Amino acid sequence: QVQLVESGGGLVQPGGSLRLSCAASGTIFVLSTMAWYRQGPGKQRELVAGITSDGTTYYAESLKGRFTISRDNAKKMVHLQMNSLKPEDTAVYYCHKGPRGSNPESGYWGQGTQVTVSS
């Protein structure tokens, strides 16, 4: 059974940074494409960033340069470094496992971690 557990969310001031982590179990992590999605208040869930099994990364165009996704195959973890945070980055951030380009609902989701950017 695939389990994804996020951590690292919280309250941060505008301009600050946060690092989210996702621990995976029940899957052959090294072969998995992992991603982060987010859902802000009153908004649809959207892709933030992803990383394939060979380390290829992809990002939402609007977030390039501020967010960085990485993976640690030995620890079966994926991370999202978020810099220069803005109030509009406030959202629940979800870890996801599933092939790039597929319907995300066919993959696996973590429970989400809240990120609030506010002064």
C-alpha atoms as a PDB file:
ATOM      1  CA  GLN A   1       0.000   0.000   0.000  1.00  0.00           C
ATOM      2  CA  VAL A   2       1.441   3.321  -1.089  1.00  0.00           C
ATOM      3  CA  GLN A   3       1.691   5.930   1.630  1.00  0.00           C
ATOM      4  CA  LEU A   4       2.846   9.506   1.205  1.00  0.00           C
ATOM      5  CA  VAL A   5       3.360  11.660   4.266  1.00  0.00           C
ATOM      6  CA  GLU A   6       4.092  15.364   3.933  1.00  0.00           C
ATOM      7  CA  SER A   7       5.770  17.595   6.474  1.00  0.00           C
ATOM      8  CA  GLY A   8       7.272  21.055   6.703  1.00  0.00           C
ATOM      9  CA  GLY A   9       4.281  23.302   6.207  1.00  0.00           C
ATOM     10  CA  GLY A  10       3.492  26.249   8.422  1.00  0.00           C
ATOM     11  CA  LEU A  11       3.162  30.000   8.655  1.00  0.00           C
ATOM     12  CA  VAL A  12       5.798  32.150   6.991  1.00  0.00           C
ATOM     13  CA  GLN A  13       6.092  35.836   6.237  1.00  0.00           C
ATOM     14  CA  PRO A  14       6.135  37.121   2.668  1.00  0.00           C
ATOM     15  CA  GLY A  15       9.611  36.786   1.235  1.00  0.00           C
ATOM     16  CA  GLY A  16      10.419  33.859   3.472  1.00  0.00           C
ATOM     17  CA  SER A  17      11.252  30.265   2.670  1.00  0.00           C
ATOM     18  CA  LEU A  18       9.933  26.830   3.527  1.00  0.00           C
ATOM     19  CA  ARG A  19      11.044  23.332   2.688  1.00  0.00           C
ATOM     20  CA  LEU A  20       8.397  20.686   2.329  1.00  0.00           C
ATOM     21  CA  SER A  21       9.205  17.001   2.554  1.00  0.00           C
ATOM     22  CA  CYS A  22       7.339  13.891   1.549  1.00  0.00           C
ATOM     23  CA  ALA A  23       8.203  10.429   2.804  1.00  0.00           C
ATOM     24  CA  ALA A  24       7.072   7.557   0.607  1.00  0.00           C
ATOM     25  CA  SER A  25       6.504   3.936   1.501  1.00  0.00           C
ATOM     26  CA  GLY A  26       4.926   0.905  -0.078  1.00  0.00           C
ATOM     27  CA  THR A  27       6.341   1.627  -3.506  1.00  0.00           C
ATOM     28  CA  ILE A  28       9.511   1.199  -5.531  1.00  0.00           C
ATOM     29  CA  PHE A  29      10.419   4.822  -5.007  1.00  0.00           C
ATOM     30  CA  VAL A  30      13.405   4.909  -7.328  1.00  0.00           C
ATOM     31  CA  LEU A  31      11.116   4.112 -10.288  1.00  0.00           C
ATOM     32  CA  SER A  32       8.438   6.625  -9.341  1.00  0.00           C
ATOM     33  CA  THR A  33       7.654  10.035 -10.729  1.00  0.00           C
ATOM     34  CA  MET A  34       6.869  12.284  -7.787  1.00  0.00           C
ATOM     35  CA  ALA A  35       5.222  15.670  -7.764  1.00  0.00           C
ATOM     36  CA  TRP A  36       3.833  18.434  -5.632  1.00  0.00           C
ATOM     37  CA  TYR A  37       0.407  19.931  -6.200  1.00  0.00           C
ATOM     38  CA  ARG A  38      -1.319  22.686  -4.309  1.00  0.00           C
ATOM     39  CA  GLN A  39      -4.838  23.918  -3.748  1.00  0.00           C
ATOM     40  CA  GLY A  40      -5.372  27.460  -2.596  1.00  0.00           C
ATOM     41  CA  PRO A  41      -8.566  28.819  -1.018  1.00  0.00           C
ATOM     42  CA  GLY A  42     -11.338  28.767  -3.586  1.00  0.00           C
ATOM     43  CA  LYS A  43      -9.024  27.463  -6.278  1.00  0.00           C
ATOM     44  CA  GLN A  44      -8.579  24.241  -8.172  1.00  0.00           C
ATOM     45  CA  ARG A  45      -5.705  21.961  -7.374  1.00  0.00           C
ATOM     46  CA  GLU A  46      -2.712  22.708  -9.595  1.00  0.00           C
ATOM     47  CA  LEU A  47       0.626  21.161 -10.373  1.00  0.00           C
ATOM     48  CA  VAL A  48       3.558  22.860  -8.673  1.00  0.00           C
ATOM     49  CA  ALA A  49       6.521  20.713  -9.688  1.00  0.00           C
ATOM     50  CA  GLY A  50       7.485  17.154 -10.527  1.00  0.00           C
ATOM     51  CA  ILE A  51      10.554  14.979 -10.767  1.00  0.00           C
ATOM     52  CA  THR A  52      10.870  11.786 -12.770  1.00  0.00           C
ATOM     53  CA  SER A  53      12.781   8.653 -11.867  1.00  0.00           C
ATOM     54  CA  ASP A  54      15.809   9.845 -13.848  1.00  0.00           C
ATOM     55  CA  GLY A  55      15.802  13.208 -12.068  1.00  0.00           C
ATOM     56  CA  THR A  56      14.181  15.293 -14.784  1.00  0.00           C
ATOM     57  CA  THR A  57      12.303  18.167 -13.193  1.00  0.00           C
ATOM     58  CA  TYR A  58       9.345  20.179 -14.400  1.00  0.00           C
ATOM     59  CA  TYR A  59       7.555  23.169 -12.921  1.00  0.00           C
ATOM     60  CA  ALA A  60       4.500  25.294 -13.261  1.00  0.00           C
ATOM     61  CA  GLU A  61       5.710  28.128 -15.449  1.00  0.00           C
ATOM     62  CA  SER A  62       4.718  30.774 -12.923  1.00  0.00           C
ATOM     63  CA  LEU A  63       6.806  29.170 -10.175  1.00  0.00           C
ATOM     64  CA  LYS A  64      10.070  28.609 -12.024  1.00  0.00           C
ATOM     65  CA  GLY A  65      12.978  30.230 -10.248  1.00  0.00           C
ATOM     66  CA  ARG A  66      11.344  30.302  -6.817  1.00  0.00           C
ATOM     67  CA  PHE A  67      10.554  26.634  -6.196  1.00  0.00           C
ATOM     68  CA  THR A  68      12.926  23.688  -6.473  1.00  0.00           C
ATOM     69  CA  ILE A  69      11.975  20.032  -6.325  1.00  0.00           C
ATOM     70  CA  SER A  70      14.481  17.335  -5.422  1.00  0.00           C
ATOM     71  CA  ARG A  71      14.503  13.695  -4.427  1.00  0.00           C
ATOM     72  CA  ASP A  72      16.524  11.437  -2.179  1.00  0.00           C
ATOM     73  CA  ASN A  73      16.117   7.893  -3.427  1.00  0.00           C
ATOM     74  CA  ALA A  74      18.033   6.373  -0.533  1.00  0.00           C
ATOM     75  CA  LYS A  75      15.611   7.896   1.970  1.00  0.00           C
ATOM     76  CA  LYS A  76      12.582   7.602  -0.322  1.00  0.00           C
ATOM     77  CA  MET A  77      11.836  11.270   0.043  1.00  0.00           C
ATOM     78  CA  VAL A  78      10.980  14.175  -2.198  1.00  0.00           C
ATOM     79  CA  HIS A  79      11.423  17.781  -1.185  1.00  0.00           C
ATOM     80  CA  LEU A  80      10.103  21.129  -2.322  1.00  0.00           C
ATOM     81  CA  GLN A  81      12.211  24.163  -1.508  1.00  0.00           C
ATOM     82  CA  MET A  82      10.087  27.293  -1.704  1.00  0.00           C
ATOM     83  CA  ASN A  83      11.758  30.697  -1.693  1.00  0.00           C
ATOM     84  CA  SER A  84      10.525  34.273  -1.942  1.00  0.00           C
ATOM     85  CA  LEU A  85       7.102  33.157  -0.834  1.00  0.00           C
ATOM     86  CA  LYS A  86       4.085  35.311  -1.620  1.00  0.00           C
ATOM     87  CA  PRO A  87       0.639  35.455  -0.045  1.00  0.00           C
ATOM     88  CA  GLU A  88      -0.749  33.834  -3.188  1.00  0.00           C
ATOM     89  CA  ASP A  89       1.365  30.761  -2.441  1.00  0.00           C
ATOM     90  CA  THR A  90      -0.930  30.072   0.491  1.00  0.00           C
ATOM     91  CA  ALA A  91      -2.405  26.640  -0.111  1.00  0.00           C
ATOM     92  CA  VAL A  92      -2.531  23.053   0.987  1.00  0.00           C
ATOM     93  CA  TYR A  93       0.416  21.318  -0.655  1.00  0.00           C
ATOM     94  CA  TYR A  94       0.041  17.680  -1.630  1.00  0.00           C
ATOM     95  CA  CYS A  95       2.647  15.079  -2.454  1.00  0.00           C
ATOM     96  CA  HIS A  96       1.739  12.918  -5.436  1.00  0.00           C
ATOM     97  CA  LYS A  97       3.011   9.763  -7.053  1.00  0.00           C
ATOM     98  CA  GLY A  98       2.063   9.027 -10.622  1.00  0.00           C
ATOM     99  CA  PRO A  99       3.341   9.161 -14.199  1.00  0.00           C
ATOM    100  CA  ARG A 100       3.907  12.556 -15.733  1.00  0.00           C
ATOM    101  CA  GLY A 101       1.088  13.519 -18.043  1.00  0.00           C
ATOM    102  CA  SER A 102      -1.395  11.028 -16.673  1.00  0.00           C
ATOM    103  CA  ASN A 103      -4.613  11.910 -14.904  1.00  0.00           C
ATOM    104  CA  PRO A 104      -3.379  12.832 -11.418  1.00  0.00           C
ATOM    105  CA  GLU A 105      -6.497  11.344  -9.865  1.00  0.00           C
ATOM    106  CA  SER A 106      -5.260   7.928 -10.966  1.00  0.00           C
ATOM    107  CA  GLY A 107      -2.155   8.308  -8.796  1.00  0.00           C
ATOM    108  CA  TYR A 108      -1.520   8.444  -5.086  1.00  0.00           C
ATOM    109  CA  TRP A 109      -1.869  11.435  -2.777  1.00  0.00           C
ATOM    110  CA  GLY A 110      -0.616  12.434   0.601  1.00  0.00           C
ATOM    111  CA  GLN A 111      -2.871  14.056   3.158  1.00  0.00           C
ATOM    112  CA  GLY A 112      -1.518  17.536   2.458  1.00  0.00           C
ATOM    113  CA  THR A 113       0.330  20.134   4.471  1.00  0.00           C
ATOM    114  CA  GLN A 114      -0.844  23.708   4.963  1.00  0.00           C
ATOM    115  CA  VAL A 115       1.374  26.578   3.890  1.00  0.00           C
ATOM    116  CA  THR A 116       0.268  30.046   4.920  1.00  0.00           C
ATOM    117  CA  VAL A 117       2.143  33.110   3.735  1.00  0.00           C
ATOM    118  CA  SER A 118       1.108  36.119   5.749  1.00  0.00           C
ATOM    119  CA  SER A 119       2.532  38.987   7.733  1.00  0.00           C
END
